Amino acid sequence: MPTSLNPFRRFRYPAEVIQHAVWLYHCFSLSLRDVELILAARGIVVSYESIREWGLRFGRLFANELKRRRPRPGDKWYMDEVFIRIRGKQHLLWRAVDQDGNVLDVLLQSRRSAKAAKRFFRKLLKGLQYVPRVIVTDKLRSYAAAKRDILPGVEHRQSRYLNNRAEVSHQPTRRRERQMQRFKSARHAQRFLSTHSRIHNHFQLRRHRLTADQHREARSAAFGTWRDVTGVASAV
């Protein structure tokens, strides 16, 4: 990798330490101080503020590269929105996953209107060369209005019971929200959750559907991709 493109240039700690700290922070429900303690146990003395800076600076690079390398998502998309309170004001976190549980994208907005749904649809489709075969949502009418304008030929199933896959996908966000004692701003929440959803989801291997050997192989492949991604992040 050319020195001029090296994102780790001028950092005192080596790339292996920085990427490991980012991995710990996003794969587990750990605070910055928890990560600081884990690194200290391994003889690496670094402040939690430095770890925060690494997460902001490198987390998005790693997450974007993971998104670029991900396999083509499934053709059945589940969508849902959940309330998040930030500084006393309610926001809506829109999220979409495919039939395999892979998080496609998230978007934090202040409303659940048709305009907000259209904005989310456009963000989902940005950069893709295809549209889904079917989308599954709850009975929020904003989805139907957005679907008519943006995905007119796609089958739309609306049910409060068929959408459990998307609802369950909010759980890691709720855990991090509690750990962080709520998000400090809408901008901070969007930036963190966009990064967190991609890194965390990369290591969620649906173990209940894999044999022990298949799980080990999938886990090794996930770590291999992660090592590649953290080495080429400057190319994003």
C-alpha atoms as a PDB file:
ATOM      1  CA  MET A   1       0.000   0.000   0.000  1.00  0.00           C
ATOM      2  CA  PRO A   2       1.546   3.376  -0.962  1.00  0.00           C
ATOM      3  CA  THR A   3       2.733   5.413   1.984  1.00  0.00           C
ATOM      4  CA  SER A   4       0.763   8.469   0.843  1.00  0.00           C
ATOM      5  CA  LEU A   5      -2.469   6.443   1.035  1.00  0.00           C
ATOM      6  CA  ASN A   6      -1.742   4.764   4.339  1.00  0.00           C
ATOM      7  CA  PRO A   7      -4.541   5.825   6.751  1.00  0.00           C
ATOM      8  CA  PHE A   8      -2.433   4.752   9.759  1.00  0.00           C
ATOM      9  CA  ARG A   9       0.387   7.132   8.904  1.00  0.00           C
ATOM     10  CA  ARG A  10       1.502   9.380  11.793  1.00  0.00           C
ATOM     11  CA  PHE A  11      -0.367   7.304  14.366  1.00  0.00           C
ATOM     12  CA  ARG A  12       1.811   6.163  17.233  1.00  0.00           C
ATOM     13  CA  TYR A  13       0.174   2.742  17.493  1.00  0.00           C
ATOM     14  CA  PRO A  14       0.467   0.119  14.767  1.00  0.00           C
ATOM     15  CA  ALA A  15      -2.435  -0.758  12.484  1.00  0.00           C
ATOM     16  CA  GLU A  16      -2.962  -4.117  14.249  1.00  0.00           C
ATOM     17  CA  VAL A  17      -3.731  -2.381  17.562  1.00  0.00           C
ATOM     18  CA  ILE A  18      -6.046   0.204  16.005  1.00  0.00           C
ATOM     19  CA  GLN A  19      -8.096  -2.277  13.995  1.00  0.00           C
ATOM     20  CA  HIS A  20      -8.349  -4.605  17.001  1.00  0.00           C
ATOM     21  CA  ALA A  21      -9.690  -1.780  19.185  1.00  0.00           C
ATOM     22  CA  VAL A  22     -12.289  -0.871  16.540  1.00  0.00           C
ATOM     23  CA  TRP A  23     -13.278  -4.538  16.236  1.00  0.00           C
ATOM     24  CA  LEU A  24     -13.720  -4.927  20.005  1.00  0.00           C
ATOM     25  CA  TYR A  25     -15.823  -1.788  20.267  1.00  0.00           C
ATOM     26  CA  HIS A  26     -18.233  -2.680  17.481  1.00  0.00           C
ATOM     27  CA  CYS A  27     -18.502  -6.456  17.849  1.00  0.00           C
ATOM     28  CA  PHE A  28     -19.250  -6.491  21.572  1.00  0.00           C
ATOM     29  CA  SER A  29     -21.330  -4.343  23.907  1.00  0.00           C
ATOM     30  CA  LEU A  30     -18.263  -2.678  25.389  1.00  0.00           C
ATOM     31  CA  SER A  31     -17.696   0.893  26.458  1.00  0.00           C
ATOM     32  CA  LEU A  32     -14.606   2.816  25.411  1.00  0.00           C
ATOM     33  CA  ARG A  33     -13.207   2.320  28.902  1.00  0.00           C
ATOM     34  CA  ASP A  34     -13.859  -1.439  28.653  1.00  0.00           C
ATOM     35  CA  VAL A  35     -11.784  -1.572  25.467  1.00  0.00           C
ATOM     36  CA  GLU A  36      -9.093   0.504  27.165  1.00  0.00           C
ATOM     37  CA  LEU A  37      -8.958  -2.045  30.001  1.00  0.00           C
ATOM     38  CA  ILE A  38      -8.783  -5.044  27.651  1.00  0.00           C
ATOM     39  CA  LEU A  39      -5.879  -3.477  25.766  1.00  0.00           C
ATOM     40  CA  ALA A  40      -4.141  -2.580  29.030  1.00  0.00           C
ATOM     41  CA  ALA A  41      -4.360  -6.246  30.090  1.00  0.00           C
ATOM     42  CA  ARG A  42      -2.314  -7.025  26.977  1.00  0.00           C
ATOM     43  CA  GLY A  43       0.291  -4.392  27.764  1.00  0.00           C
ATOM     44  CA  ILE A  44      -1.076  -1.732  25.411  1.00  0.00           C
ATOM     45  CA  VAL A  45      -1.503   1.550  27.279  1.00  0.00           C
ATOM     46  CA  VAL A  46      -3.893   3.823  25.409  1.00  0.00           C
ATOM     47  CA  SER A  47      -6.598   6.224  26.592  1.00  0.00           C
ATOM     48  CA  TYR A  48     -10.277   5.753  25.881  1.00  0.00           C
ATOM     49  CA  GLU A  49     -10.234   9.110  24.059  1.00  0.00           C
ATOM     50  CA  SER A  50      -7.744   7.716  21.567  1.00  0.00           C
ATOM     51  CA  ILE A  51      -9.984   4.693  21.079  1.00  0.00           C
ATOM     52  CA  ARG A  52     -12.914   7.051  20.447  1.00  0.00           C
ATOM     53  CA  GLU A  53     -10.869   8.858  17.803  1.00  0.00           C
ATOM     54  CA  TRP A  54      -9.927   5.541  16.165  1.00  0.00           C
ATOM     55  CA  GLY A  55     -13.548   4.489  16.073  1.00  0.00           C
ATOM     56  CA  LEU A  56     -14.617   7.719  14.379  1.00  0.00           C
ATOM     57  CA  ARG A  57     -11.708   7.911  11.966  1.00  0.00           C
ATOM     58  CA  PHE A  58     -11.328   4.268  10.945  1.00  0.00           C
ATOM     59  CA  GLY A  59     -14.701   2.713  11.753  1.00  0.00           C
ATOM     60  CA  ARG A  60     -16.425   4.326   8.786  1.00  0.00           C
ATOM     61  CA  LEU A  61     -13.559   3.395   6.433  1.00  0.00           C
ATOM     62  CA  PHE A  62     -13.739  -0.237   7.510  1.00  0.00           C
ATOM     63  CA  ALA A  63     -17.555  -0.308   7.359  1.00  0.00           C
ATOM     64  CA  ASN A  64     -17.665   1.225   3.874  1.00  0.00           C
ATOM     65  CA  GLU A  65     -15.149  -1.295   2.590  1.00  0.00           C
ATOM     66  CA  LEU A  66     -17.167  -4.149   4.117  1.00  0.00           C
ATOM     67  CA  LYS A  67     -20.263  -2.813   2.363  1.00  0.00           C
ATOM     68  CA  ARG A  68     -18.407  -2.619  -0.953  1.00  0.00           C
ATOM     69  CA  ARG A  69     -17.196  -6.222  -0.619  1.00  0.00           C
ATOM     70  CA  ARG A  70     -20.391  -7.796   0.666  1.00  0.00           C
ATOM     71  CA  PRO A  71     -22.110 -10.388  -1.541  1.00  0.00           C
ATOM     72  CA  ARG A  72     -25.228  -9.320  -3.382  1.00  0.00           C
ATOM     73  CA  PRO A  73     -28.070  -9.076  -0.833  1.00  0.00           C
ATOM     74  CA  GLY A  74     -31.065 -11.376  -1.019  1.00  0.00           C
ATOM     75  CA  ASP A  75     -34.128 -10.495  -3.056  1.00  0.00           C
ATOM     76  CA  LYS A  76     -36.524 -10.328  -0.099  1.00  0.00           C
ATOM     77  CA  TRP A  77     -36.163  -7.236   2.060  1.00  0.00           C
ATOM     78  CA  TYR A  78     -37.661  -6.685   5.504  1.00  0.00           C
ATOM     79  CA  MET A  79     -38.075  -3.091   6.694  1.00  0.00           C
ATOM     80  CA  ASP A  80     -38.946  -1.624  10.045  1.00  0.00           C
ATOM     81  CA  GLU A  81     -38.575   1.574  12.044  1.00  0.00           C
ATOM     82  CA  VAL A  82     -38.002   2.025  15.768  1.00  0.00           C
ATOM     83  CA  PHE A  83     -38.138   5.058  18.048  1.00  0.00           C
ATOM     84  CA  ILE A  84     -34.898   6.427  19.488  1.00  0.00           C
ATOM     85  CA  ARG A  85     -34.920   9.314  21.955  1.00  0.00           C
ATOM     86  CA  ILE A  86     -32.082  11.825  21.581  1.00  0.00           C
ATOM     87  CA  ARG A  87     -31.882  14.774  23.969  1.00  0.00           C
ATOM     88  CA  GLY A  88     -35.553  14.400  24.790  1.00  0.00           C
ATOM     89  CA  LYS A  89     -36.703  14.327  21.171  1.00  0.00           C
ATOM     90  CA  GLN A  90     -38.000  11.224  19.423  1.00  0.00           C
ATOM     91  CA  HIS A  91     -36.387  10.089  16.171  1.00  0.00           C
ATOM     92  CA  LEU A  92     -37.109   7.125  13.912  1.00  0.00           C
ATOM     93  CA  LEU A  93     -34.381   4.658  13.008  1.00  0.00           C
ATOM     94  CA  TRP A  94     -35.303   3.000   9.692  1.00  0.00           C
ATOM     95  CA  ARG A  95     -33.626  -0.335   9.025  1.00  0.00           C
ATOM     96  CA  ALA A  96     -33.735  -2.937   6.242  1.00  0.00           C
ATOM     97  CA  VAL A  97     -32.446  -6.526   6.293  1.00  0.00           C
ATOM     98  CA  ASP A  98     -32.626  -9.301   3.724  1.00  0.00           C
ATOM     99  CA  GLN A  99     -33.978 -12.828   4.235  1.00  0.00           C
ATOM    100  CA  ASP A 100     -30.591 -13.981   5.544  1.00  0.00           C
ATOM    101  CA  GLY A 101     -30.539 -11.341   8.281  1.00  0.00           C
ATOM    102  CA  ASN A 102     -27.901  -9.159   6.596  1.00  0.00           C
ATOM    103  CA  VAL A 103     -28.357  -5.491   7.455  1.00  0.00           C
ATOM    104  CA  LEU A 104     -28.729  -3.542   4.210  1.00  0.00           C
ATOM    105  CA  ASP A 105     -28.787  -0.005   5.579  1.00  0.00           C
ATOM    106  CA  VAL A 106     -30.024   2.265   8.364  1.00  0.00           C
ATOM    107  CA  LEU A 107     -31.255   5.838   8.313  1.00  0.00           C
ATOM    108  CA  LEU A 108     -32.168   8.070  11.233  1.00  0.00           C
ATOM    109  CA  GLN A 109     -34.974  10.550  10.568  1.00  0.00           C
ATOM    110  CA  SER A 110     -37.325  12.710  12.590  1.00  0.00           C
ATOM    111  CA  ARG A 111     -40.543  11.589  10.875  1.00  0.00           C
ATOM    112  CA  ARG A 112     -42.378   8.485   9.615  1.00  0.00           C
ATOM    113  CA  SER A 113     -43.999  10.228   6.660  1.00  0.00           C
ATOM    114  CA  ALA A 114     -44.111   9.113   3.031  1.00  0.00           C
ATOM    115  CA  LYS A 115     -41.303  11.586   2.302  1.00  0.00           C
ATOM    116  CA  ALA A 116     -39.127   9.934   4.961  1.00  0.00           C
ATOM    117  CA  ALA A 117     -39.930   6.474   3.587  1.00  0.00           C
ATOM    118  CA  LYS A 118     -38.972   7.588   0.059  1.00  0.00           C
ATOM    119  CA  ARG A 119     -35.684   8.960   1.334  1.00  0.00           C
ATOM    120  CA  PHE A 120     -34.957   5.624   2.992  1.00  0.00           C
ATOM    121  CA  PHE A 121     -35.846   3.675  -0.176  1.00  0.00           C
ATOM    122  CA  ARG A 122     -33.521   5.829  -2.263  1.00  0.00           C
ATOM    123  CA  LYS A 123     -30.689   5.347   0.213  1.00  0.00           C
ATOM    124  CA  LEU A 124     -31.227   1.580   0.100  1.00  0.00           C
ATOM    125  CA  LEU A 125     -31.163   1.428  -3.678  1.00  0.00           C
ATOM    126  CA  LYS A 126     -28.186   3.748  -4.124  1.00  0.00           C
ATOM    127  CA  GLY A 127     -25.362   1.908  -5.836  1.00  0.00           C
ATOM    128  CA  LEU A 128     -27.347  -1.291  -6.416  1.00  0.00           C
ATOM    129  CA  GLN A 129     -27.898  -2.684  -9.905  1.00  0.00           C
ATOM    130  CA  TYR A 130     -31.153  -4.477  -9.075  1.00  0.00           C
ATOM    131  CA  VAL A 131     -34.356  -4.174  -7.063  1.00  0.00           C
ATOM    132  CA  PRO A 132     -35.767  -6.721  -4.601  1.00  0.00           C
ATOM    133  CA  ARG A 133     -38.382  -9.292  -5.583  1.00  0.00           C
ATOM    134  CA  VAL A 134     -40.529  -8.528  -2.540  1.00  0.00           C
ATOM    135  CA  ILE A 135     -40.469  -6.167   0.434  1.00  0.00           C
ATOM    136  CA  VAL A 136     -42.061  -6.944   3.800  1.00  0.00           C
ATOM    137  CA  THR A 137     -43.109  -4.140   6.150  1.00  0.00           C
ATOM    138  CA  ASP A 138     -45.535  -3.426   8.924  1.00  0.00           C
ATOM    139  CA  LYS A 139     -48.785  -1.615   8.125  1.00  0.00           C
ATOM    140  CA  LEU A 140     -47.352   1.898   8.198  1.00  0.00           C
ATOM    141  CA  ARG A 141     -48.964   3.588   5.184  1.00  0.00           C
ATOM    142  CA  SER A 142     -45.808   5.546   4.388  1.00  0.00           C
ATOM    143  CA  TYR A 143     -44.197   2.370   3.057  1.00  0.00           C
ATOM    144  CA  ALA A 144     -46.992   1.786   0.573  1.00  0.00           C
ATOM    145  CA  ALA A 145     -46.832   5.381  -0.669  1.00  0.00           C
ATOM    146  CA  ALA A 146     -43.056   5.215  -1.144  1.00  0.00           C
ATOM    147  CA  LYS A 147     -43.254   1.802  -2.794  1.00  0.00           C
ATOM    148  CA  ARG A 148     -45.790   3.006  -5.368  1.00  0.00           C
ATOM    149  CA  ASP A 149     -43.442   5.789  -6.506  1.00  0.00           C
ATOM    150  CA  ILE A 150     -40.023   4.131  -6.258  1.00  0.00           C
ATOM    151  CA  LEU A 151     -40.596   0.359  -6.539  1.00  0.00           C
ATOM    152  CA  PRO A 152     -43.876   0.074  -8.475  1.00  0.00           C
ATOM    153  CA  GLY A 153     -43.198  -3.415  -9.832  1.00  0.00           C
ATOM    154  CA  VAL A 154     -42.109  -4.987  -6.538  1.00  0.00           C
ATOM    155  CA  GLU A 155     -44.454  -7.166  -4.482  1.00  0.00           C
ATOM    156  CA  HIS A 156     -45.294  -5.585  -1.129  1.00  0.00           C
ATOM    157  CA  ARG A 157     -46.433  -7.633   1.852  1.00  0.00           C
ATOM    158  CA  GLN A 158     -47.703  -5.743   4.887  1.00  0.00           C
ATOM    159  CA  SER A 159     -48.188  -7.560   8.178  1.00  0.00           C
ATOM    160  CA  ARG A 160     -47.268  -7.006  11.803  1.00  0.00           C
ATOM    161  CA  TYR A 161     -46.390 -10.693  12.097  1.00  0.00           C
ATOM    162  CA  LEU A 162     -44.270 -11.259   8.967  1.00  0.00           C
ATOM    163  CA  ASN A 163     -41.807  -8.518   9.863  1.00  0.00           C
ATOM    164  CA  ASN A 164     -40.157 -10.110  12.904  1.00  0.00           C
ATOM    165  CA  ARG A 165     -36.812 -10.462  11.129  1.00  0.00           C
ATOM    166  CA  ALA A 166     -36.459  -6.688  10.826  1.00  0.00           C
ATOM    167  CA  GLU A 167     -37.722  -6.085  14.364  1.00  0.00           C
ATOM    168  CA  VAL A 168     -35.179  -8.509  15.845  1.00  0.00           C
ATOM    169  CA  SER A 169     -32.379  -6.740  13.965  1.00  0.00           C
ATOM    170  CA  HIS A 170     -32.893  -3.694  16.226  1.00  0.00           C
ATOM    171  CA  GLN A 171     -31.629  -5.584  19.297  1.00  0.00           C
ATOM    172  CA  PRO A 172     -27.883  -4.810  18.868  1.00  0.00           C
ATOM    173  CA  THR A 173     -28.782  -1.125  18.529  1.00  0.00           C
ATOM    174  CA  ARG A 174     -30.796  -1.207  21.747  1.00  0.00           C
ATOM    175  CA  ARG A 175     -27.904  -2.841  23.591  1.00  0.00           C
ATOM    176  CA  ARG A 176     -25.450  -0.196  22.402  1.00  0.00           C
ATOM    177  CA  GLU A 177     -27.907   2.589  23.175  1.00  0.00           C
ATOM    178  CA  ARG A 178     -28.074   1.410  26.800  1.00  0.00           C
ATOM    179  CA  GLN A 179     -24.304   0.921  27.015  1.00  0.00           C
ATOM    180  CA  MET A 180     -23.659   4.432  25.675  1.00  0.00           C
ATOM    181  CA  GLN A 181     -26.394   5.927  27.904  1.00  0.00           C
ATOM    182  CA  ARG A 182     -28.246   7.176  24.827  1.00  0.00           C
ATOM    183  CA  PHE A 183     -26.884   8.956  21.788  1.00  0.00           C
ATOM    184  CA  LYS A 184     -25.742  12.543  22.125  1.00  0.00           C
ATOM    185  CA  SER A 185     -27.040  13.879  18.795  1.00  0.00           C
ATOM    186  CA  ALA A 186     -28.795  12.705  15.642  1.00  0.00           C
ATOM    187  CA  ARG A 187     -25.581  13.130  13.655  1.00  0.00           C
ATOM    188  CA  HIS A 188     -23.630  11.064  16.179  1.00  0.00           C
ATOM    189  CA  ALA A 189     -26.292   8.335  16.158  1.00  0.00           C
ATOM    190  CA  GLN A 190     -26.414   8.100  12.347  1.00  0.00           C
ATOM    191  CA  ARG A 191     -22.637   7.981  12.045  1.00  0.00           C
ATOM    192  CA  PHE A 192     -22.201   5.406  14.785  1.00  0.00           C
ATOM    193  CA  LEU A 193     -25.072   3.126  13.736  1.00  0.00           C
ATOM    194  CA  SER A 194     -24.058   3.123  10.062  1.00  0.00           C
ATOM    195  CA  THR A 195     -20.620   1.899  11.123  1.00  0.00           C
ATOM    196  CA  HIS A 196     -21.776  -0.416  13.880  1.00  0.00           C
ATOM    197  CA  SER A 197     -24.430  -2.214  11.834  1.00  0.00           C
ATOM    198  CA  ARG A 198     -21.951  -3.179   9.101  1.00  0.00           C
ATOM    199  CA  ILE A 199     -19.086  -4.276  11.333  1.00  0.00           C
ATOM    200  CA  HIS A 200     -21.255  -6.087  13.875  1.00  0.00           C
ATOM    201  CA  ASN A 201     -23.340  -7.774  11.190  1.00  0.00           C
ATOM    202  CA  HIS A 202     -20.228  -8.995   9.351  1.00  0.00           C
ATOM    203  CA  PHE A 203     -19.470 -11.354  12.240  1.00  0.00           C
ATOM    204  CA  GLN A 204     -23.063 -12.554  12.826  1.00  0.00           C
ATOM    205  CA  LEU A 205     -22.886 -15.936  11.083  1.00  0.00           C
ATOM    206  CA  ARG A 206     -26.327 -17.453  11.798  1.00  0.00           C
ATOM    207  CA  ARG A 207     -24.704 -20.289  13.725  1.00  0.00           C
ATOM    208  CA  HIS A 208     -27.979 -22.131  14.306  1.00  0.00           C
ATOM    209  CA  ARG A 209     -28.061 -22.980  10.593  1.00  0.00           C
ATOM    210  CA  LEU A 210     -24.457 -24.148  10.318  1.00  0.00           C
ATOM    211  CA  THR A 211     -22.636 -27.287  11.383  1.00  0.00           C
ATOM    212  CA  ALA A 212     -19.598 -26.838  13.626  1.00  0.00           C
ATOM    213  CA  ASP A 213     -17.235 -27.211  10.668  1.00  0.00           C
ATOM    214  CA  GLN A 214     -19.252 -24.814   8.518  1.00  0.00           C
ATOM    215  CA  HIS A 215     -19.300 -22.270  11.328  1.00  0.00           C
ATOM    216  CA  ARG A 216     -15.526 -22.432  11.795  1.00  0.00           C
ATOM    217  CA  GLU A 217     -15.014 -22.037   8.066  1.00  0.00           C
ATOM    218  CA  ALA A 218     -17.404 -19.086   7.868  1.00  0.00           C
ATOM    219  CA  ARG A 219     -15.774 -17.467  10.886  1.00  0.00           C
ATOM    220  CA  SER A 220     -12.311 -17.852   9.370  1.00  0.00           C
ATOM    221  CA  ALA A 221     -13.570 -16.301   6.138  1.00  0.00           C
ATOM    222  CA  ALA A 222     -15.080 -13.377   8.074  1.00  0.00           C
ATOM    223  CA  PHE A 223     -11.797 -12.717   9.861  1.00  0.00           C
ATOM    224  CA  GLY A 224      -9.912 -13.019   6.578  1.00  0.00           C
ATOM    225  CA  THR A 225     -12.129 -10.383   4.996  1.00  0.00           C
ATOM    226  CA  TRP A 226     -11.737  -8.176   8.051  1.00  0.00           C
ATOM    227  CA  ARG A 227      -7.933  -8.363   7.847  1.00  0.00           C
ATOM    228  CA  ASP A 228      -8.079  -7.456   4.170  1.00  0.00           C
ATOM    229  CA  VAL A 229     -10.494  -4.603   4.791  1.00  0.00           C
ATOM    230  CA  THR A 230      -8.441  -3.044   7.567  1.00  0.00           C
ATOM    231  CA  GLY A 231      -5.397  -3.178   5.314  1.00  0.00           C
ATOM    232  CA  VAL A 232      -7.008  -1.498   2.277  1.00  0.00           C
ATOM    233  CA  ALA A 233      -9.283   0.980   4.007  1.00  0.00           C
ATOM    234  CA  SER A 234      -7.469   3.909   2.404  1.00  0.00           C
ATOM    235  CA  ALA A 235      -8.762   2.790  -0.989  1.00  0.00           C
ATOM    236  CA  VAL A 236     -12.409   3.383   0.019  1.00  0.00           C
END
